[in-house]
């Protein structure tokens, strides 16, 4: 019955990013097509070499689906010849499919910068690499940190946190597994309270932009704008809000102020509703009310209702995070909102940029699902990975290869691979042996 409902409503079904679609979902559609082949057309769009998330069908494009018409996208209209060639070489270790650059495409640039692990001053070194790329390519966009056509790809969000100066905040909150996944997606209620409401209010307050301040207070339903409060202070209805904003401005005028002090002034003056999970870090309603002046009648500290329970790890993580610098939130917000040139290897799939710098640093990333040092044959496979490989199972090596392919093919014109390694000489030798790099393209730092 479900099959009949589906095909009657959707006789044509196209699944985008099919390589990363949950394998049970994909296999269900295979069964639907088998059962109703005369009544439904199903098409899969995607690139199996770009399967980088868990849960996808590993045999897609190899043994599944069988007997379907296959269309290969052989013309690459995005990238320069050298970048297309590198993608083909990486792919030769997998399914061997090739693409061709369009007629008249530029040759393009690929460079490899090899650096030893533990190198001090990574930020300065990576800045110099971008300046070098600008000189080699004649493209000043490499040094423009605001360019939408430049991407610096990192393995983990925490690496962006260190480079963008919100690492302390990220590090403290990431100690809670319940919080970690949400902050990487920009979906944590408490952090969004600071990034979407408190920080914009701090900016508007510092500029004394009263119209913007009132807009924020209205949108966030500030308790100081409630009818009962305004009626209780008819001589000066906005007096409480004005006094609260002045106190708030005094606190955020300090660039080194911590989250806790910002939260406390908001709670003390009842400027905003405090998310329930942050309530335990500010004074109780009774304590705050006792501190209010007599003419502040009608104002009561309010908190947002939050049905979801918090665990001890969240409380501990926030206790530490609230002691870090508040204005880290500016850079976190830029990063999560996509207004930074930094992105992750995994999150960049499907995007394209004029210029791309890929930072590969296994030690700093601390990941366990991938290893560029193993992929480039600088380190031996672990015993467990070797066993899986011998048995024909997927290993972290396969994931790393696909990540390397995805990041290498995001660039339109120029690509810089920055690789931190335990053995620069071995890495150089293997890059050339694998035909990923020409000797003239490798720079040892």
Protein backbone atom coordinates (compact mmCIF):
# COMPACT_ATOMS: atom_id res chain seq x y z
CA UNK A 1 0.00 0.00 0.00
CA UNK A 2 2.83 2.40 0.85
CA UNK A 3 4.45 1.63 -2.50
CA UNK A 4 1.20 2.43 -4.33
CA UNK A 5 0.81 5.71 -2.43
CA UNK A 6 4.36 6.76 -3.29
CA UNK A 7 4.33 5.94 -7.00
CA UNK A 8 0.88 7.46 -7.53
CA UNK A 9 2.03 10.75 -6.03
CA UNK A 10 5.68 10.65 -7.17
CA UNK A 11 6.18 8.70 -10.43
CA UNK A 12 9.62 10.33 -10.79
CA UNK A 13 11.93 10.22 -7.78
CA UNK A 14 15.41 11.80 -7.81
CA UNK A 15 17.77 11.36 -4.85
CA UNK A 16 20.51 13.98 -4.61
CA UNK A 17 23.77 13.28 -2.72
CA UNK A 18 22.82 9.61 -2.97
CA UNK A 19 26.29 8.46 -1.92
CA UNK A 20 25.71 9.90 1.57
CA UNK A 21 22.02 9.02 1.84
CA UNK A 22 21.33 6.43 4.53
CA UNK A 23 21.86 2.99 3.00
CA UNK A 24 18.56 1.63 4.38
CA UNK A 25 16.68 4.46 2.67
CA UNK A 26 18.53 3.89 -0.62
CA UNK A 27 17.94 0.13 -0.50
CA UNK A 28 14.23 0.74 0.16
CA UNK A 29 14.03 2.71 -3.07
CA UNK A 30 15.87 -0.08 -4.88
CA UNK A 31 13.17 -2.48 -3.69
CA UNK A 32 10.48 -0.03 -4.78
CA UNK A 33 11.96 0.16 -8.26
CA UNK A 34 12.20 -3.64 -8.49
CA UNK A 35 8.57 -4.04 -7.46
CA UNK A 36 7.12 -1.18 -9.52
CA UNK A 37 9.57 -0.81 -12.40
CA UNK A 38 6.74 -0.17 -14.89
CA UNK A 39 5.27 2.66 -12.86
CA UNK A 40 8.16 4.61 -11.35
CA UNK A 41 11.46 6.15 -12.52
CA UNK A 42 14.15 6.56 -9.87
CA UNK A 43 17.37 8.48 -10.42
CA UNK A 44 20.42 8.75 -8.17
CA UNK A 45 22.62 11.84 -8.33
CA UNK A 46 25.97 11.90 -6.62
CA UNK A 47 29.62 10.98 -6.68
CA UNK A 48 30.69 7.87 -4.78
CA UNK A 49 34.19 9.34 -4.42
CA UNK A 50 32.62 12.03 -2.25
CA UNK A 51 31.03 9.65 0.26
CA UNK A 52 32.49 11.06 3.47
CA UNK A 53 29.69 10.67 6.03
CA UNK A 54 28.76 7.49 7.84
CA UNK A 55 25.63 5.56 6.96
CA UNK A 56 25.92 5.66 3.17
CA UNK A 57 25.74 2.60 0.91
CA UNK A 58 29.37 1.54 0.40
CA UNK A 59 28.56 -0.62 -2.64
CA UNK A 60 26.74 2.16 -4.48
CA UNK A 61 28.22 2.50 -7.94
CA UNK A 62 30.07 -0.80 -7.64
CA UNK A 63 27.55 -3.62 -7.21
CA UNK A 64 24.51 -1.50 -6.35
CA UNK A 65 22.34 -0.76 -8.16
CA UNK A 66 22.84 -3.37 -10.89
CA UNK A 67 21.21 -3.19 -14.29
CA UNK A 68 20.53 0.55 -14.08
CA UNK A 69 21.57 3.02 -16.77
CA UNK A 70 24.69 4.94 -15.70
CA UNK A 71 25.66 8.40 -16.87
CA UNK A 72 29.18 9.63 -16.23
CA UNK A 73 29.92 13.35 -15.92
CA UNK A 74 33.22 13.47 -17.77
CA UNK A 75 33.50 17.19 -18.49
CA UNK A 76 34.69 19.33 -15.60
CA UNK A 77 33.59 22.91 -16.17
CA UNK A 78 34.83 24.09 -12.77
CA UNK A 79 38.54 23.59 -12.46
CA UNK A 80 41.80 24.30 -14.22
CA UNK A 81 43.64 21.47 -15.97
CA UNK A 82 46.20 20.80 -13.24
CA UNK A 83 43.50 20.45 -10.58
CA UNK A 84 41.39 18.14 -12.74
CA UNK A 85 44.51 16.05 -13.35
CA UNK A 86 45.20 15.75 -9.62
CA UNK A 87 41.61 14.63 -9.00
CA UNK A 88 42.00 11.95 -11.68
CA UNK A 89 45.21 10.69 -10.10
CA UNK A 90 43.62 10.42 -6.65
CA UNK A 91 40.65 8.67 -8.21
CA UNK A 92 42.89 6.17 -10.01
CA UNK A 93 43.37 4.45 -6.64
CA UNK A 94 39.61 4.00 -6.32
CA UNK A 95 37.22 3.63 -9.27
CA UNK A 96 39.54 4.95 -11.98
CA UNK A 97 36.99 7.33 -13.47
CA UNK A 98 38.41 10.36 -15.27
CA UNK A 99 37.25 13.86 -16.04
CA UNK A 100 38.47 16.35 -18.61
CA UNK A 101 38.89 20.09 -18.30
CA UNK A 102 36.85 22.15 -20.74
CA UNK A 103 38.49 23.53 -23.86
CA UNK A 104 40.37 26.72 -23.14
CA UNK A 105 40.66 26.05 -19.40
CA UNK A 106 43.69 27.58 -17.64
CA UNK A 107 46.54 25.33 -16.55
CA UNK A 108 46.09 26.33 -12.90
CA UNK A 109 48.36 25.94 -9.88
CA UNK A 110 48.97 23.20 -7.31
CA UNK A 111 51.55 23.57 -4.54
CA UNK A 112 52.47 21.38 -1.58
CA UNK A 113 53.98 22.93 1.56
CA UNK A 114 55.59 20.36 3.84
CA UNK A 115 56.08 21.28 7.49
CA UNK A 116 57.29 19.30 10.53
CA UNK A 117 54.90 18.52 13.37
CA UNK A 118 55.20 20.86 16.32
CA UNK A 119 56.27 23.81 14.22
CA UNK A 120 55.75 27.00 16.30
CA UNK A 121 53.83 29.97 14.95
CA UNK A 122 51.53 28.06 12.61
CA UNK A 123 49.33 31.09 12.04
CA UNK A 124 52.25 33.18 10.80
CA UNK A 125 53.56 30.34 8.64
CA UNK A 126 50.18 29.78 7.01
CA UNK A 127 49.85 33.53 6.44
CA UNK A 128 53.21 33.53 4.64
CA UNK A 129 52.12 30.56 2.54
CA UNK A 130 49.10 32.51 1.34
CA UNK A 131 51.35 35.46 0.50
CA UNK A 132 53.60 33.06 -1.43
CA UNK A 133 50.60 31.71 -3.34
CA UNK A 134 49.54 35.27 -4.18
CA UNK A 135 52.98 35.90 -5.66
CA UNK A 136 53.17 32.62 -7.59
CA UNK A 137 49.68 32.92 -9.06
CA UNK A 138 49.56 36.69 -9.44
CA UNK A 139 46.26 36.55 -7.56
CA UNK A 140 46.04 39.03 -4.67
CA UNK A 141 42.82 37.35 -3.54
CA UNK A 142 45.00 34.89 -1.63
CA UNK A 143 45.70 37.55 1.00
CA UNK A 144 42.14 38.88 1.24
CA UNK A 145 40.66 37.43 4.43
CA UNK A 146 37.18 38.66 3.47
CA UNK A 147 37.11 37.05 0.03
CA UNK A 148 34.17 34.74 -0.62
CA UNK A 149 36.26 33.01 -3.29
CA UNK A 150 38.94 31.79 -0.86
CA UNK A 151 38.62 28.80 1.46
CA UNK A 152 40.99 27.44 4.09
CA UNK A 153 39.97 23.88 4.87
CA UNK A 154 40.64 22.35 8.29
CA UNK A 155 40.01 18.87 9.64
CA UNK A 156 38.22 19.86 12.84
CA UNK A 157 36.19 22.84 14.08
CA UNK A 158 38.58 23.27 17.00
CA UNK A 159 41.37 24.04 14.53
CA UNK A 160 39.28 26.95 13.25
CA UNK A 161 38.65 27.96 16.85
CA UNK A 162 42.37 28.30 17.49
CA UNK A 163 42.99 30.28 14.31
CA UNK A 164 39.95 32.51 14.81
CA UNK A 165 40.48 33.02 18.55
CA UNK A 166 37.42 31.28 19.96
CA UNK A 167 39.28 28.12 20.98
CA UNK A 168 38.88 28.61 24.77
CA UNK A 169 35.10 28.81 24.44
CA UNK A 170 34.97 25.85 22.04
CA UNK A 171 37.34 23.75 24.14
CA UNK A 172 35.39 24.23 27.37
CA UNK A 173 31.99 23.53 25.82
CA UNK A 174 33.27 20.54 23.83
CA UNK A 175 33.97 18.71 27.09
CA UNK A 176 30.27 17.88 27.10
CA UNK A 177 29.35 15.44 24.32
CA UNK A 178 25.78 16.68 24.56
CA UNK A 179 26.89 20.21 23.70
CA UNK A 180 29.73 19.48 21.27
CA UNK A 181 27.66 18.33 18.32
CA UNK A 182 25.20 21.18 18.65
CA UNK A 183 27.74 24.00 18.75
CA UNK A 184 29.37 22.69 15.58
CA UNK A 185 26.01 23.01 13.83
CA UNK A 186 25.11 26.31 15.47
CA UNK A 187 22.16 24.68 17.23
CA UNK A 188 22.94 25.11 20.93
CA UNK A 189 20.22 27.22 22.59
CA UNK A 190 22.46 28.75 25.24
CA UNK A 191 25.29 29.66 22.87
CA UNK A 192 22.78 31.05 20.37
CA UNK A 193 21.43 33.25 23.15
CA UNK A 194 24.85 34.89 23.31
CA UNK A 195 25.56 34.92 19.57
CA UNK A 196 22.10 35.89 18.23
CA UNK A 197 20.88 38.22 20.98
CA UNK A 198 23.50 39.33 23.52
CA UNK A 199 26.34 40.01 21.09
CA UNK A 200 24.19 42.01 18.60
CA UNK A 201 22.88 43.95 21.59
CA UNK A 202 26.45 44.64 22.73
CA UNK A 203 27.33 45.98 19.29
CA UNK A 204 24.22 48.16 19.11
CA UNK A 205 24.84 49.43 22.64
CA UNK A 206 28.45 50.37 21.93
CA UNK A 207 27.27 52.37 18.90
CA UNK A 208 24.38 53.83 20.93
CA UNK A 209 22.04 52.69 18.17
CA UNK A 210 18.74 53.03 20.03
CA UNK A 211 16.57 51.85 17.14
CA UNK A 212 18.55 48.60 16.85
CA UNK A 213 18.51 48.13 20.62
CA UNK A 214 14.74 48.47 20.78
CA UNK A 215 14.38 46.08 17.87
CA UNK A 216 16.49 43.46 19.68
CA UNK A 217 14.63 43.92 22.97
CA UNK A 218 11.27 43.61 21.24
CA UNK A 219 12.31 40.56 19.20
CA UNK A 220 13.65 38.84 22.31
CA UNK A 221 10.55 39.83 24.33
CA UNK A 222 12.49 41.62 27.04
CA UNK A 223 10.67 41.51 30.41
CA UNK A 224 11.33 45.26 30.74
CA UNK A 225 9.00 45.95 27.83
CA UNK A 226 6.06 44.01 29.22
CA UNK A 227 2.83 45.94 29.74
CA UNK A 228 2.84 45.39 33.52
CA UNK A 229 6.30 46.92 33.85
CA UNK A 230 5.49 49.86 31.58
CA UNK A 231 2.21 50.53 33.45
CA UNK A 232 4.01 50.44 36.80
CA UNK A 233 6.40 53.16 35.62
CA UNK A 234 4.07 55.50 33.74
CA UNK A 235 6.17 58.60 34.42
CA UNK A 236 9.06 57.07 32.48
CA UNK A 237 7.98 53.73 30.94
CA UNK A 238 11.37 53.02 29.36
CA UNK A 239 13.37 54.17 32.36
CA UNK A 240 14.13 50.65 33.57
CA UNK A 241 15.17 49.50 30.10
CA UNK A 242 17.38 52.56 29.64
CA UNK A 243 19.10 52.07 33.00
CA UNK A 244 19.59 48.36 32.33
CA UNK A 245 21.10 49.07 28.91
CA UNK A 246 23.50 51.63 30.41
CA UNK A 247 24.68 49.07 33.00
CA UNK A 248 25.04 46.49 30.25
CA UNK A 249 27.07 48.92 28.12
CA UNK A 250 29.45 49.60 31.02
CA UNK A 251 30.17 45.87 31.36
CA UNK A 252 30.65 45.08 27.66
CA UNK A 253 32.86 48.15 27.15
CA UNK A 254 35.64 45.95 28.56
CA UNK A 255 37.00 43.85 25.66
CA UNK A 256 38.23 41.23 28.14
CA UNK A 257 34.97 40.80 30.03
CA UNK A 258 33.94 37.19 30.60
CA UNK A 259 30.60 35.59 29.74
CA UNK A 260 29.68 35.24 33.41
CA UNK A 261 29.80 38.98 34.13
CA UNK A 262 27.77 39.74 31.01
CA UNK A 263 25.18 37.17 32.03
CA UNK A 264 25.05 38.56 35.56
CA UNK A 265 24.34 42.14 34.51
CA UNK A 266 21.57 40.91 32.19
CA UNK A 267 20.02 38.91 35.02
CA UNK A 268 20.43 41.64 37.65
CA UNK A 269 18.60 44.21 35.53
CA UNK A 270 16.19 41.69 34.00
CA UNK A 271 17.19 42.90 30.55
CA UNK A 272 16.55 39.57 28.79
CA UNK A 273 15.04 36.20 29.57
CA UNK A 274 17.85 33.87 30.63
CA UNK A 275 17.84 30.38 29.05
CA UNK A 276 16.88 27.84 31.71
CA UNK A 277 20.19 25.95 31.50
CA UNK A 278 22.10 29.12 32.38
CA UNK A 279 19.80 30.02 35.26
CA UNK A 280 21.92 28.31 37.89
CA UNK A 281 24.85 30.62 37.07
CA UNK A 282 23.02 33.85 37.95
CA UNK A 283 21.28 35.12 41.07
CA UNK A 284 17.86 33.69 41.89
CA UNK A 285 14.76 35.73 41.25
CA UNK A 286 14.44 36.62 44.94
CA UNK A 287 18.09 37.70 45.26
CA UNK A 288 17.91 39.81 42.12
CA UNK A 289 14.62 41.42 43.18
CA UNK A 290 16.16 42.38 46.52
CA UNK A 291 18.89 44.29 44.72
CA UNK A 292 16.45 46.33 42.62
CA UNK A 293 15.80 49.96 43.47
CA UNK A 294 12.35 50.91 44.82
CA UNK A 295 11.39 52.58 41.54
CA UNK A 296 11.95 49.34 39.67
CA UNK A 297 8.65 47.92 40.84
CA UNK A 298 7.08 45.42 38.51
CA UNK A 299 10.38 44.03 37.24
CA UNK A 300 11.02 40.37 37.99
CA UNK A 301 13.89 38.21 36.78
CA UNK A 302 12.57 35.86 34.11
CA UNK A 303 14.02 32.72 32.59
CA UNK A 304 13.09 30.86 29.45
CA UNK A 305 11.36 27.54 29.88
CA UNK A 306 13.48 24.63 28.69
CA UNK A 307 11.79 21.21 28.79
CA UNK A 308 14.97 19.31 27.99
CA UNK A 309 16.95 18.14 31.01
CA UNK A 310 20.62 18.97 31.36
CA UNK A 311 23.22 16.59 32.66
CA UNK A 312 26.22 17.20 34.90
CA UNK A 313 28.59 17.44 31.92
CA UNK A 314 26.64 20.41 30.55
CA UNK A 315 26.72 22.22 33.89
CA UNK A 316 30.47 21.61 34.25
CA UNK A 317 31.17 22.69 30.65
CA UNK A 318 29.21 25.93 30.99
CA UNK A 319 30.78 26.66 34.38
CA UNK A 320 34.18 26.74 32.66
CA UNK A 321 33.02 28.39 29.43
CA UNK A 322 31.42 31.32 31.27
CA UNK A 323 34.84 32.29 32.62
CA UNK A 324 36.28 32.79 29.13
CA UNK A 325 36.32 36.07 27.17
CA UNK A 326 32.87 37.09 25.97
CA UNK A 327 33.97 38.62 22.69
CA UNK A 328 35.10 35.25 21.38
CA UNK A 329 31.44 35.03 20.42
CA UNK A 330 32.06 37.47 17.56
CA UNK A 331 34.43 35.10 15.76
CA UNK A 332 32.39 32.01 16.61
CA UNK A 333 29.33 33.66 15.07
CA UNK A 334 31.23 34.62 11.91
CA UNK A 335 32.51 31.04 11.57
CA UNK A 336 29.16 29.32 12.12
CA UNK A 337 27.37 31.80 9.86
CA UNK A 338 29.82 31.01 7.05
CA UNK A 339 31.33 34.51 7.05
CA UNK A 340 34.85 33.21 7.54
CA UNK A 341 37.31 31.81 5.03
CA UNK A 342 37.77 28.78 7.31
CA UNK A 343 35.74 25.63 6.69
CA UNK A 344 36.08 21.93 7.42
CA UNK A 345 37.16 19.23 4.95
CA UNK A 346 33.84 17.47 5.44
CA UNK A 347 31.62 20.54 5.31
CA UNK A 348 32.93 21.94 2.02
CA UNK A 349 31.54 19.20 -0.21
CA UNK A 350 29.61 20.67 -3.13
CA UNK A 351 31.25 24.10 -2.86
CA UNK A 352 33.74 25.70 -5.22
CA UNK A 353 36.24 28.53 -4.80
CA UNK A 354 38.81 30.30 -6.94
CA UNK A 355 41.54 29.44 -4.46
CA UNK A 356 41.72 26.74 -1.78
CA UNK A 357 44.24 26.02 0.96
CA UNK A 358 43.93 22.59 2.59
CA UNK A 359 45.55 22.19 6.01
CA UNK A 360 46.35 18.58 6.91
CA UNK A 361 47.57 18.17 10.48
CA UNK A 362 46.73 14.80 12.03
CA UNK A 363 48.28 15.73 15.38
CA UNK A 364 46.32 18.94 15.87
CA UNK A 365 43.08 17.43 14.59
CA UNK A 366 43.35 14.43 16.90
CA UNK A 367 40.90 12.47 14.75
CA UNK A 368 40.70 8.68 14.70
CA UNK A 369 38.68 8.14 11.51
CA UNK A 370 41.32 9.51 9.15
CA UNK A 371 45.09 9.77 8.83
CA UNK A 372 46.83 11.69 6.08
CA UNK A 373 50.20 10.39 7.28
CA UNK A 374 49.02 6.83 6.69
CA UNK A 375 47.45 7.75 3.36
CA UNK A 376 50.73 9.28 2.15
CA UNK A 377 52.62 6.18 3.42
CA UNK A 378 54.57 8.14 6.02
CA UNK A 379 53.15 5.99 8.81
CA UNK A 380 52.25 2.32 8.72
CA UNK A 381 48.65 1.20 8.96
CA UNK A 382 47.50 0.06 12.37
CA UNK A 383 47.13 -3.70 12.81
CA UNK A 384 43.35 -3.36 12.94
CA UNK A 385 43.23 -1.26 9.76
CA UNK A 386 45.54 -3.65 7.95
CA UNK A 387 43.31 -6.57 8.90
CA UNK A 388 40.22 -4.76 7.59
CA UNK A 389 42.05 -3.88 4.41
CA UNK A 390 43.14 -7.49 3.86
CA UNK A 391 39.53 -8.61 4.31
CA UNK A 392 38.27 -6.08 1.80
CA UNK A 393 36.58 -3.88 4.40
CA UNK A 394 36.68 -0.11 4.40
CA UNK A 395 39.30 1.56 6.56
CA UNK A 396 40.17 5.10 7.62
CA UNK A 397 42.48 5.09 4.62
CA UNK A 398 39.49 4.97 2.26
CA UNK A 399 37.81 7.85 4.08
CA UNK A 400 41.04 9.87 3.99
CA UNK A 401 41.41 9.27 0.25
CA UNK A 402 37.90 10.54 -0.36
CA UNK A 403 38.50 13.57 1.86
CA UNK A 404 41.68 14.33 -0.06
CA UNK A 405 39.75 14.05 -3.33
CA UNK A 406 36.94 16.32 -2.14
CA UNK A 407 39.26 19.03 -0.84
CA UNK A 408 41.57 18.87 -3.86
CA UNK A 409 38.71 19.35 -6.31
CA UNK A 410 37.05 22.35 -4.64
CA UNK A 411 39.50 24.79 -6.27
CA UNK A 412 38.79 26.42 -9.61
CA UNK A 413 42.23 27.84 -10.31
CA UNK A 414 44.79 27.46 -7.50
CA UNK A 415 45.27 24.91 -4.75
CA UNK A 416 47.70 24.85 -1.81
CA UNK A 417 48.13 21.71 0.30
CA UNK A 418 49.72 22.48 3.67
CA UNK A 419 50.81 19.20 5.25
CA UNK A 420 52.27 18.82 8.74
CA UNK A 421 54.24 15.59 8.98
CA UNK A 422 56.64 13.54 11.07
CA UNK A 423 58.91 12.91 8.07
CA UNK A 424 59.20 15.67 5.47
CA UNK A 425 61.66 13.75 3.26
CA UNK A 426 59.51 10.60 3.16
CA UNK A 427 56.37 12.61 2.46
CA UNK A 428 58.01 14.41 -0.46
CA UNK A 429 59.22 11.14 -1.93
CA UNK A 430 55.80 9.51 -1.67
CA UNK A 431 53.87 12.46 -3.11
CA UNK A 432 56.03 12.25 -6.20
CA UNK A 433 55.81 8.45 -6.35
CA UNK A 434 52.00 8.58 -6.17
CA UNK A 435 52.07 11.22 -8.95
CA UNK A 436 50.15 13.64 -6.77
CA UNK A 437 52.91 16.22 -7.03
CA UNK A 438 55.65 17.29 -9.37
CA UNK A 439 58.96 18.05 -7.72
CA UNK A 440 58.73 21.72 -8.67
CA UNK A 441 55.39 21.94 -6.87
CA UNK A 442 56.79 20.90 -3.46
CA UNK A 443 58.10 23.49 -1.01
CA UNK A 444 59.75 22.35 2.23
CA UNK A 445 59.20 24.84 5.03
